N, C-alpha and C. Protein backbone atom coordinates (compact mmCIF):
# COMPACT_ATOMS: atom_id res chain seq x y z
N MET A 1 -12.72 -111.34 -0.31
CA MET A 1 -13.96 -111.47 0.45
C MET A 1 -13.76 -111.02 1.90
N THR A 2 -12.64 -111.44 2.49
CA THR A 2 -12.40 -111.04 3.89
C THR A 2 -12.19 -109.54 4.00
N MET A 3 -11.64 -108.92 2.94
CA MET A 3 -11.43 -107.48 2.97
C MET A 3 -12.77 -106.74 3.01
N ILE A 4 -13.76 -107.27 2.30
CA ILE A 4 -15.09 -106.66 2.30
C ILE A 4 -15.73 -106.78 3.68
N ILE A 5 -15.58 -107.94 4.30
CA ILE A 5 -16.13 -108.15 5.64
C ILE A 5 -15.46 -107.22 6.65
N GLU A 6 -14.15 -107.05 6.55
CA GLU A 6 -13.43 -106.15 7.45
C GLU A 6 -13.93 -104.71 7.28
N TRP A 7 -14.09 -104.26 6.04
CA TRP A 7 -14.59 -102.91 5.80
C TRP A 7 -16.02 -102.75 6.30
N LEU A 8 -16.83 -103.78 6.10
CA LEU A 8 -18.22 -103.72 6.57
C LEU A 8 -18.27 -103.64 8.09
N ARG A 9 -17.44 -104.45 8.77
CA ARG A 9 -17.36 -104.38 10.24
C ARG A 9 -16.90 -103.00 10.69
N PHE A 10 -15.91 -102.45 10.00
CA PHE A 10 -15.42 -101.13 10.36
C PHE A 10 -16.50 -100.07 10.18
N LEU A 11 -17.22 -100.11 9.07
CA LEU A 11 -18.26 -99.11 8.82
C LEU A 11 -19.41 -99.21 9.81
N VAL A 12 -19.85 -100.43 10.10
CA VAL A 12 -20.94 -100.62 11.08
C VAL A 12 -20.48 -100.18 12.47
N GLY A 13 -19.25 -100.54 12.85
CA GLY A 13 -18.72 -100.13 14.14
C GLY A 13 -18.57 -98.62 14.24
N ALA A 14 -18.08 -97.99 13.17
CA ALA A 14 -17.94 -96.53 13.17
C ALA A 14 -19.31 -95.85 13.24
N LEU A 15 -20.30 -96.41 12.55
CA LEU A 15 -21.65 -95.86 12.60
C LEU A 15 -22.22 -95.96 14.01
N LEU A 16 -22.00 -97.09 14.68
CA LEU A 16 -22.47 -97.23 16.06
C LEU A 16 -21.74 -96.28 17.00
N LEU A 17 -20.43 -96.11 16.81
CA LEU A 17 -19.68 -95.17 17.65
C LEU A 17 -20.17 -93.74 17.44
N LEU A 18 -20.43 -93.36 16.21
CA LEU A 18 -20.95 -92.01 15.94
C LEU A 18 -22.36 -91.83 16.50
N SER A 19 -23.16 -92.88 16.46
CA SER A 19 -24.50 -92.81 17.06
C SER A 19 -24.39 -92.60 18.57
N GLY A 20 -23.48 -93.33 19.21
CA GLY A 20 -23.26 -93.15 20.64
C GLY A 20 -22.79 -91.74 20.96
N LEU A 21 -21.91 -91.20 20.12
CA LEU A 21 -21.45 -89.83 20.31
C LEU A 21 -22.59 -88.84 20.16
N GLY A 22 -23.47 -89.07 19.19
CA GLY A 22 -24.64 -88.21 19.02
C GLY A 22 -25.55 -88.25 20.23
N ILE A 23 -25.72 -89.42 20.81
CA ILE A 23 -26.55 -89.54 22.02
C ILE A 23 -25.91 -88.78 23.17
N PHE A 24 -24.59 -88.83 23.28
CA PHE A 24 -23.90 -88.08 24.33
C PHE A 24 -24.10 -86.57 24.14
N VAL A 25 -24.11 -86.10 22.90
CA VAL A 25 -24.33 -84.67 22.64
C VAL A 25 -25.74 -84.27 23.06
N VAL A 26 -26.73 -85.10 22.72
CA VAL A 26 -28.11 -84.82 23.13
C VAL A 26 -28.22 -84.83 24.65
N GLU A 27 -27.52 -85.75 25.29
CA GLU A 27 -27.52 -85.81 26.75
C GLU A 27 -26.96 -84.52 27.34
N MET A 28 -25.86 -84.04 26.81
CA MET A 28 -25.26 -82.81 27.35
C MET A 28 -26.20 -81.62 27.17
N VAL A 29 -26.86 -81.54 26.03
CA VAL A 29 -27.82 -80.45 25.81
C VAL A 29 -28.95 -80.54 26.84
N GLY A 30 -29.45 -81.74 27.08
CA GLY A 30 -30.51 -81.93 28.08
C GLY A 30 -30.05 -81.57 29.48
N VAL A 31 -28.83 -81.92 29.82
CA VAL A 31 -28.33 -81.61 31.17
C VAL A 31 -28.21 -80.10 31.36
N PHE A 32 -27.80 -79.38 30.33
CA PHE A 32 -27.64 -77.94 30.48
C PHE A 32 -28.94 -77.17 30.27
N LYS A 33 -29.90 -77.72 29.54
CA LYS A 33 -31.15 -77.01 29.28
C LYS A 33 -32.17 -77.13 30.41
N PHE A 34 -32.27 -78.32 31.01
CA PHE A 34 -33.28 -78.52 32.04
C PHE A 34 -32.90 -77.76 33.30
N LYS A 35 -33.93 -77.28 34.01
CA LYS A 35 -33.70 -76.48 35.21
C LYS A 35 -33.71 -77.33 36.49
N TYR A 36 -34.63 -78.27 36.57
CA TYR A 36 -34.78 -79.03 37.81
C TYR A 36 -33.84 -80.23 37.80
N VAL A 37 -33.35 -80.55 38.98
CA VAL A 37 -32.31 -81.57 39.10
C VAL A 37 -32.78 -82.95 38.64
N LEU A 38 -34.02 -83.31 38.88
CA LEU A 38 -34.50 -84.63 38.45
C LEU A 38 -34.59 -84.73 36.93
N ASN A 39 -34.95 -83.64 36.28
CA ASN A 39 -34.98 -83.65 34.82
C ASN A 39 -33.57 -83.77 34.26
N ARG A 40 -32.63 -83.04 34.84
CA ARG A 40 -31.23 -83.12 34.39
C ARG A 40 -30.68 -84.52 34.63
N MET A 41 -31.00 -85.08 35.79
CA MET A 41 -30.51 -86.41 36.12
C MET A 41 -31.09 -87.46 35.17
N HIS A 42 -32.35 -87.31 34.80
CA HIS A 42 -32.97 -88.26 33.88
C HIS A 42 -32.28 -88.21 32.51
N ALA A 43 -32.01 -87.00 32.03
CA ALA A 43 -31.32 -86.86 30.74
C ALA A 43 -29.94 -87.49 30.81
N ALA A 44 -29.23 -87.26 31.91
CA ALA A 44 -27.88 -87.82 32.05
C ALA A 44 -27.92 -89.34 32.14
N ALA A 45 -28.84 -89.87 32.92
CA ALA A 45 -28.90 -91.33 33.11
C ALA A 45 -29.29 -92.04 31.83
N MET A 46 -30.29 -91.53 31.14
CA MET A 46 -30.72 -92.19 29.91
C MET A 46 -29.65 -92.07 28.82
N GLY A 47 -29.02 -90.91 28.75
CA GLY A 47 -27.96 -90.73 27.76
C GLY A 47 -26.76 -91.61 28.04
N ASP A 48 -26.40 -91.71 29.31
CA ASP A 48 -25.26 -92.57 29.66
C ASP A 48 -25.55 -94.03 29.33
N THR A 49 -26.69 -94.50 29.74
CA THR A 49 -27.01 -95.90 29.52
C THR A 49 -27.06 -96.23 28.03
N LEU A 50 -27.77 -95.42 27.28
CA LEU A 50 -27.91 -95.70 25.84
C LEU A 50 -26.63 -95.36 25.08
N GLY A 51 -26.02 -94.23 25.40
CA GLY A 51 -24.82 -93.82 24.68
C GLY A 51 -23.65 -94.75 24.89
N ILE A 52 -23.42 -95.14 26.14
CA ILE A 52 -22.32 -96.07 26.42
C ILE A 52 -22.61 -97.43 25.82
N GLY A 53 -23.86 -97.87 25.90
CA GLY A 53 -24.22 -99.17 25.32
C GLY A 53 -23.98 -99.23 23.83
N ILE A 54 -24.41 -98.19 23.12
CA ILE A 54 -24.23 -98.19 21.67
C ILE A 54 -22.76 -98.03 21.29
N SER A 55 -22.03 -97.19 22.03
CA SER A 55 -20.60 -97.01 21.74
C SER A 55 -19.83 -98.30 21.97
N LEU A 56 -20.10 -98.97 23.07
CA LEU A 56 -19.41 -100.23 23.33
C LEU A 56 -19.83 -101.31 22.34
N LEU A 57 -21.06 -101.27 21.89
CA LEU A 57 -21.49 -102.21 20.86
C LEU A 57 -20.72 -101.97 19.56
N GLY A 58 -20.46 -100.70 19.25
CA GLY A 58 -19.64 -100.38 18.09
C GLY A 58 -18.23 -100.92 18.24
N LEU A 59 -17.66 -100.83 19.45
CA LEU A 59 -16.33 -101.39 19.68
C LEU A 59 -16.33 -102.91 19.57
N ILE A 60 -17.41 -103.54 20.02
CA ILE A 60 -17.51 -104.99 19.90
C ILE A 60 -17.54 -105.40 18.43
N VAL A 61 -18.30 -104.67 17.62
CA VAL A 61 -18.37 -104.98 16.19
C VAL A 61 -17.00 -104.80 15.55
N MET A 62 -16.32 -103.72 15.90
CA MET A 62 -14.99 -103.47 15.32
C MET A 62 -13.96 -104.51 15.75
N CYS A 63 -14.08 -104.96 17.00
CA CYS A 63 -13.10 -105.89 17.57
C CYS A 63 -13.31 -107.32 17.06
N GLY A 64 -14.52 -107.67 16.75
CA GLY A 64 -14.81 -109.04 16.34
C GLY A 64 -15.19 -109.88 17.55
N LEU A 65 -15.46 -111.14 17.31
CA LEU A 65 -15.83 -112.04 18.40
C LEU A 65 -14.58 -112.65 19.04
N ASN A 66 -14.23 -112.13 20.21
CA ASN A 66 -13.11 -112.66 20.96
C ASN A 66 -13.32 -112.36 22.44
N PHE A 67 -12.32 -112.61 23.25
CA PHE A 67 -12.46 -112.42 24.69
C PHE A 67 -12.66 -110.95 25.05
N THR A 68 -12.05 -110.05 24.31
CA THR A 68 -12.21 -108.61 24.56
C THR A 68 -13.65 -108.18 24.33
N SER A 69 -14.27 -108.69 23.29
CA SER A 69 -15.67 -108.33 23.04
C SER A 69 -16.59 -108.90 24.11
N LEU A 70 -16.24 -110.05 24.66
CA LEU A 70 -17.02 -110.59 25.77
C LEU A 70 -16.93 -109.67 26.99
N LYS A 71 -15.75 -109.18 27.27
CA LYS A 71 -15.58 -108.25 28.40
C LYS A 71 -16.36 -106.95 28.15
N LEU A 72 -16.32 -106.45 26.92
CA LEU A 72 -17.09 -105.24 26.62
C LEU A 72 -18.58 -105.48 26.77
N PHE A 73 -19.04 -106.66 26.37
CA PHE A 73 -20.45 -106.99 26.53
C PHE A 73 -20.82 -107.06 28.02
N LEU A 74 -19.94 -107.60 28.84
CA LEU A 74 -20.22 -107.66 30.28
C LEU A 74 -20.24 -106.26 30.90
N VAL A 75 -19.44 -105.34 30.38
CA VAL A 75 -19.50 -103.96 30.84
C VAL A 75 -20.86 -103.35 30.50
N ILE A 76 -21.36 -103.62 29.29
CA ILE A 76 -22.68 -103.13 28.89
C ILE A 76 -23.76 -103.68 29.84
N VAL A 77 -23.70 -104.97 30.12
CA VAL A 77 -24.70 -105.58 31.01
C VAL A 77 -24.63 -104.95 32.40
N PHE A 78 -23.41 -104.77 32.92
CA PHE A 78 -23.26 -104.16 34.24
C PHE A 78 -23.84 -102.75 34.25
N LEU A 79 -23.53 -101.96 33.24
CA LEU A 79 -24.04 -100.59 33.20
C LEU A 79 -25.55 -100.54 33.06
N TRP A 80 -26.13 -101.48 32.32
CA TRP A 80 -27.57 -101.48 32.16
C TRP A 80 -28.29 -101.86 33.46
N PHE A 81 -27.60 -102.57 34.35
CA PHE A 81 -28.20 -102.86 35.65
C PHE A 81 -27.87 -101.78 36.67
N ALA A 82 -26.66 -101.25 36.65
CA ALA A 82 -26.21 -100.33 37.69
C ALA A 82 -26.73 -98.91 37.49
N SER A 83 -26.80 -98.43 36.27
CA SER A 83 -27.18 -97.04 36.03
C SER A 83 -28.62 -96.74 36.46
N PRO A 84 -29.62 -97.54 36.11
CA PRO A 84 -30.97 -97.24 36.60
C PRO A 84 -31.09 -97.33 38.11
N ALA A 85 -30.40 -98.28 38.71
CA ALA A 85 -30.49 -98.41 40.18
C ALA A 85 -29.87 -97.20 40.87
N SER A 86 -28.71 -96.77 40.41
CA SER A 86 -28.08 -95.60 41.04
C SER A 86 -28.89 -94.33 40.77
N SER A 87 -29.45 -94.19 39.59
CA SER A 87 -30.28 -93.02 39.28
C SER A 87 -31.52 -92.99 40.18
N HIS A 88 -32.10 -94.15 40.41
CA HIS A 88 -33.27 -94.23 41.28
C HIS A 88 -32.92 -93.80 42.70
N LEU A 89 -31.78 -94.25 43.20
CA LEU A 89 -31.38 -93.87 44.55
C LEU A 89 -31.11 -92.38 44.66
N ILE A 90 -30.47 -91.81 43.66
CA ILE A 90 -30.21 -90.37 43.68
C ILE A 90 -31.52 -89.58 43.59
N ALA A 91 -32.46 -90.05 42.79
CA ALA A 91 -33.76 -89.38 42.68
C ALA A 91 -34.51 -89.44 44.01
N ARG A 92 -34.47 -90.57 44.67
CA ARG A 92 -35.14 -90.67 45.98
C ARG A 92 -34.51 -89.74 46.99
N LEU A 93 -33.19 -89.61 46.96
CA LEU A 93 -32.50 -88.69 47.85
C LEU A 93 -32.94 -87.26 47.57
N GLU A 94 -33.05 -86.89 46.32
CA GLU A 94 -33.47 -85.54 45.96
C GLU A 94 -34.90 -85.27 46.42
N VAL A 95 -35.78 -86.22 46.23
CA VAL A 95 -37.18 -86.03 46.61
C VAL A 95 -37.31 -85.90 48.13
N THR A 96 -36.57 -86.69 48.87
CA THR A 96 -36.70 -86.63 50.33
C THR A 96 -36.01 -85.42 50.94
N THR A 97 -35.03 -84.84 50.26
CA THR A 97 -34.32 -83.69 50.82
C THR A 97 -34.70 -82.38 50.15
N ASP A 98 -35.71 -82.38 49.27
CA ASP A 98 -36.11 -81.16 48.57
C ASP A 98 -36.75 -80.19 49.56
N GLU A 99 -36.26 -78.94 49.57
CA GLU A 99 -36.78 -77.95 50.50
C GLU A 99 -38.05 -77.26 50.00
N GLU A 100 -38.27 -77.27 48.69
CA GLU A 100 -39.47 -76.66 48.10
C GLU A 100 -40.17 -77.66 47.18
N PRO A 101 -40.77 -78.71 47.75
CA PRO A 101 -41.36 -79.74 46.87
C PRO A 101 -42.54 -79.23 46.06
N GLN A 102 -43.34 -78.31 46.61
CA GLN A 102 -44.50 -77.82 45.86
C GLN A 102 -44.08 -77.03 44.63
N LYS A 103 -42.88 -76.51 44.60
CA LYS A 103 -42.39 -75.78 43.44
C LYS A 103 -42.00 -76.72 42.31
N HIS A 104 -41.59 -77.94 42.62
CA HIS A 104 -41.06 -78.86 41.63
C HIS A 104 -42.02 -79.95 41.21
N TYR A 105 -42.89 -80.39 42.09
CA TYR A 105 -43.80 -81.49 41.74
C TYR A 105 -44.96 -81.49 42.71
N ARG A 106 -46.01 -82.25 42.35
CA ARG A 106 -47.19 -82.40 43.21
C ARG A 106 -47.20 -83.78 43.82
N LYS A 107 -47.64 -83.85 45.05
CA LYS A 107 -47.90 -85.15 45.66
C LYS A 107 -49.39 -85.40 45.55
N GLU A 108 -49.74 -86.57 45.08
CA GLU A 108 -51.14 -86.92 44.92
C GLU A 108 -51.56 -87.82 46.07
N ALA A 109 -52.68 -87.50 46.66
CA ALA A 109 -53.23 -88.33 47.72
C ALA A 109 -53.92 -89.53 47.08
N LEU A 110 -53.66 -90.70 47.60
CA LEU A 110 -54.21 -91.92 47.03
C LEU A 110 -55.74 -91.93 47.10
N ALA A 111 -56.31 -91.45 48.21
CA ALA A 111 -57.77 -91.45 48.35
C ALA A 111 -58.40 -90.56 47.29
N ARG A 112 -57.80 -89.39 47.03
CA ARG A 112 -58.36 -88.48 46.03
C ARG A 112 -58.27 -89.09 44.63
N LEU A 113 -57.17 -89.75 44.34
CA LEU A 113 -57.03 -90.40 43.04
C LEU A 113 -58.05 -91.51 42.86
N GLU A 114 -58.30 -92.28 43.92
CA GLU A 114 -59.30 -93.35 43.83
C GLU A 114 -60.69 -92.78 43.59
N LYS A 115 -61.02 -91.65 44.25
CA LYS A 115 -62.32 -91.02 44.03
C LYS A 115 -62.45 -90.54 42.60
N GLU A 116 -61.39 -89.90 42.07
CA GLU A 116 -61.42 -89.42 40.70
C GLU A 116 -61.55 -90.58 39.71
N LEU A 117 -60.86 -91.66 40.00
CA LEU A 117 -60.94 -92.83 39.14
C LEU A 117 -62.34 -93.43 39.16
N ALA A 118 -62.94 -93.52 40.34
CA ALA A 118 -64.29 -94.05 40.45
C ALA A 118 -65.29 -93.13 39.73
N ALA A 119 -65.12 -91.82 39.88
CA ALA A 119 -66.02 -90.87 39.21
C ALA A 119 -65.86 -90.98 37.69
N GLY A 120 -64.63 -91.12 37.23
CA GLY A 120 -64.40 -91.27 35.79
C GLY A 120 -64.99 -92.55 35.26
N ALA A 121 -64.90 -93.64 36.02
CA ALA A 121 -65.46 -94.91 35.59
C ALA A 121 -66.99 -94.84 35.54
N ALA A 122 -67.60 -94.17 36.55
CA ALA A 122 -69.05 -94.02 36.56
C ALA A 122 -69.51 -93.17 35.37
N GLU A 123 -68.75 -92.12 35.08
CA GLU A 123 -69.09 -91.26 33.95
C GLU A 123 -68.96 -92.03 32.64
N LEU A 124 -67.94 -92.86 32.54
CA LEU A 124 -67.76 -93.66 31.34
C LEU A 124 -68.90 -94.66 31.17
N ARG A 125 -69.36 -95.27 32.28
CA ARG A 125 -70.50 -96.20 32.20
C ARG A 125 -71.76 -95.47 31.75
N MET A 126 -71.97 -94.24 32.27
CA MET A 126 -73.16 -93.49 31.86
C MET A 126 -73.08 -93.13 30.38
N ASP A 127 -71.89 -92.72 29.91
CA ASP A 127 -71.74 -92.38 28.49
C ASP A 127 -71.97 -93.61 27.62
N THR A 128 -71.43 -94.73 28.01
CA THR A 128 -71.57 -95.95 27.24
C THR A 128 -73.03 -96.41 27.26
N GLY A 129 -73.69 -96.29 28.40
CA GLY A 129 -75.09 -96.67 28.50
C GLY A 129 -75.98 -95.79 27.65
N ALA A 130 -75.67 -94.50 27.60
CA ALA A 130 -76.46 -93.58 26.79
C ALA A 130 -76.31 -93.91 25.31
N GLU A 131 -75.12 -94.30 24.88
CA GLU A 131 -74.92 -94.64 23.47
C GLU A 131 -75.68 -95.92 23.10
N THR A 132 -75.68 -96.89 24.00
CA THR A 132 -76.39 -98.15 23.67
C THR A 132 -77.89 -97.92 23.66
N ASP A 133 -78.40 -97.03 24.55
CA ASP A 133 -79.84 -96.74 24.53
C ASP A 133 -80.24 -96.09 23.24
N GLY A 134 -79.39 -95.16 22.74
CA GLY A 134 -79.69 -94.48 21.48
C GLY A 134 -79.65 -95.45 20.31
N GLN A 135 -78.81 -96.43 20.37
CA GLN A 135 -78.72 -97.40 19.29
C GLN A 135 -79.92 -98.34 19.29
N GLU A 136 -80.43 -98.65 20.47
CA GLU A 136 -81.57 -99.55 20.54
C GLU A 136 -82.83 -98.89 19.98
N GLU A 137 -82.97 -97.58 20.19
CA GLU A 137 -84.17 -96.90 19.72
C GLU A 137 -84.15 -96.75 18.21
N ALA A 138 -82.97 -96.63 17.62
CA ALA A 138 -82.88 -96.42 16.17
C ALA A 138 -83.09 -97.67 15.43
């Protein structure tokens, strides 16, 4: 019975490790395919966070429940907090130091967005009102 459990742990752990490796491959393709730095950084950050998490989870399954697996779990928790924060800081640095921002992204004025939102809401009310009037006549 214990031999079956050991093999099952090994297979599940190996499957998780291979899944993490697959995520790393997708991450590398994204880093090399995307042209703009923020797109490349997003692919790298998401791949690192998910790939490392799944790979370390596979090692935890293979190792069993002991002090080493607790340490691996704490590494996963640290990376899940640190990676998004560092990616956000790097993205803000890129946005503030970009020499050609109009080439890479648009800045939206808040007042213009509010006007568009108000116009869309008014249009939606008119459409909804027209449908209810048509239903009342029928």
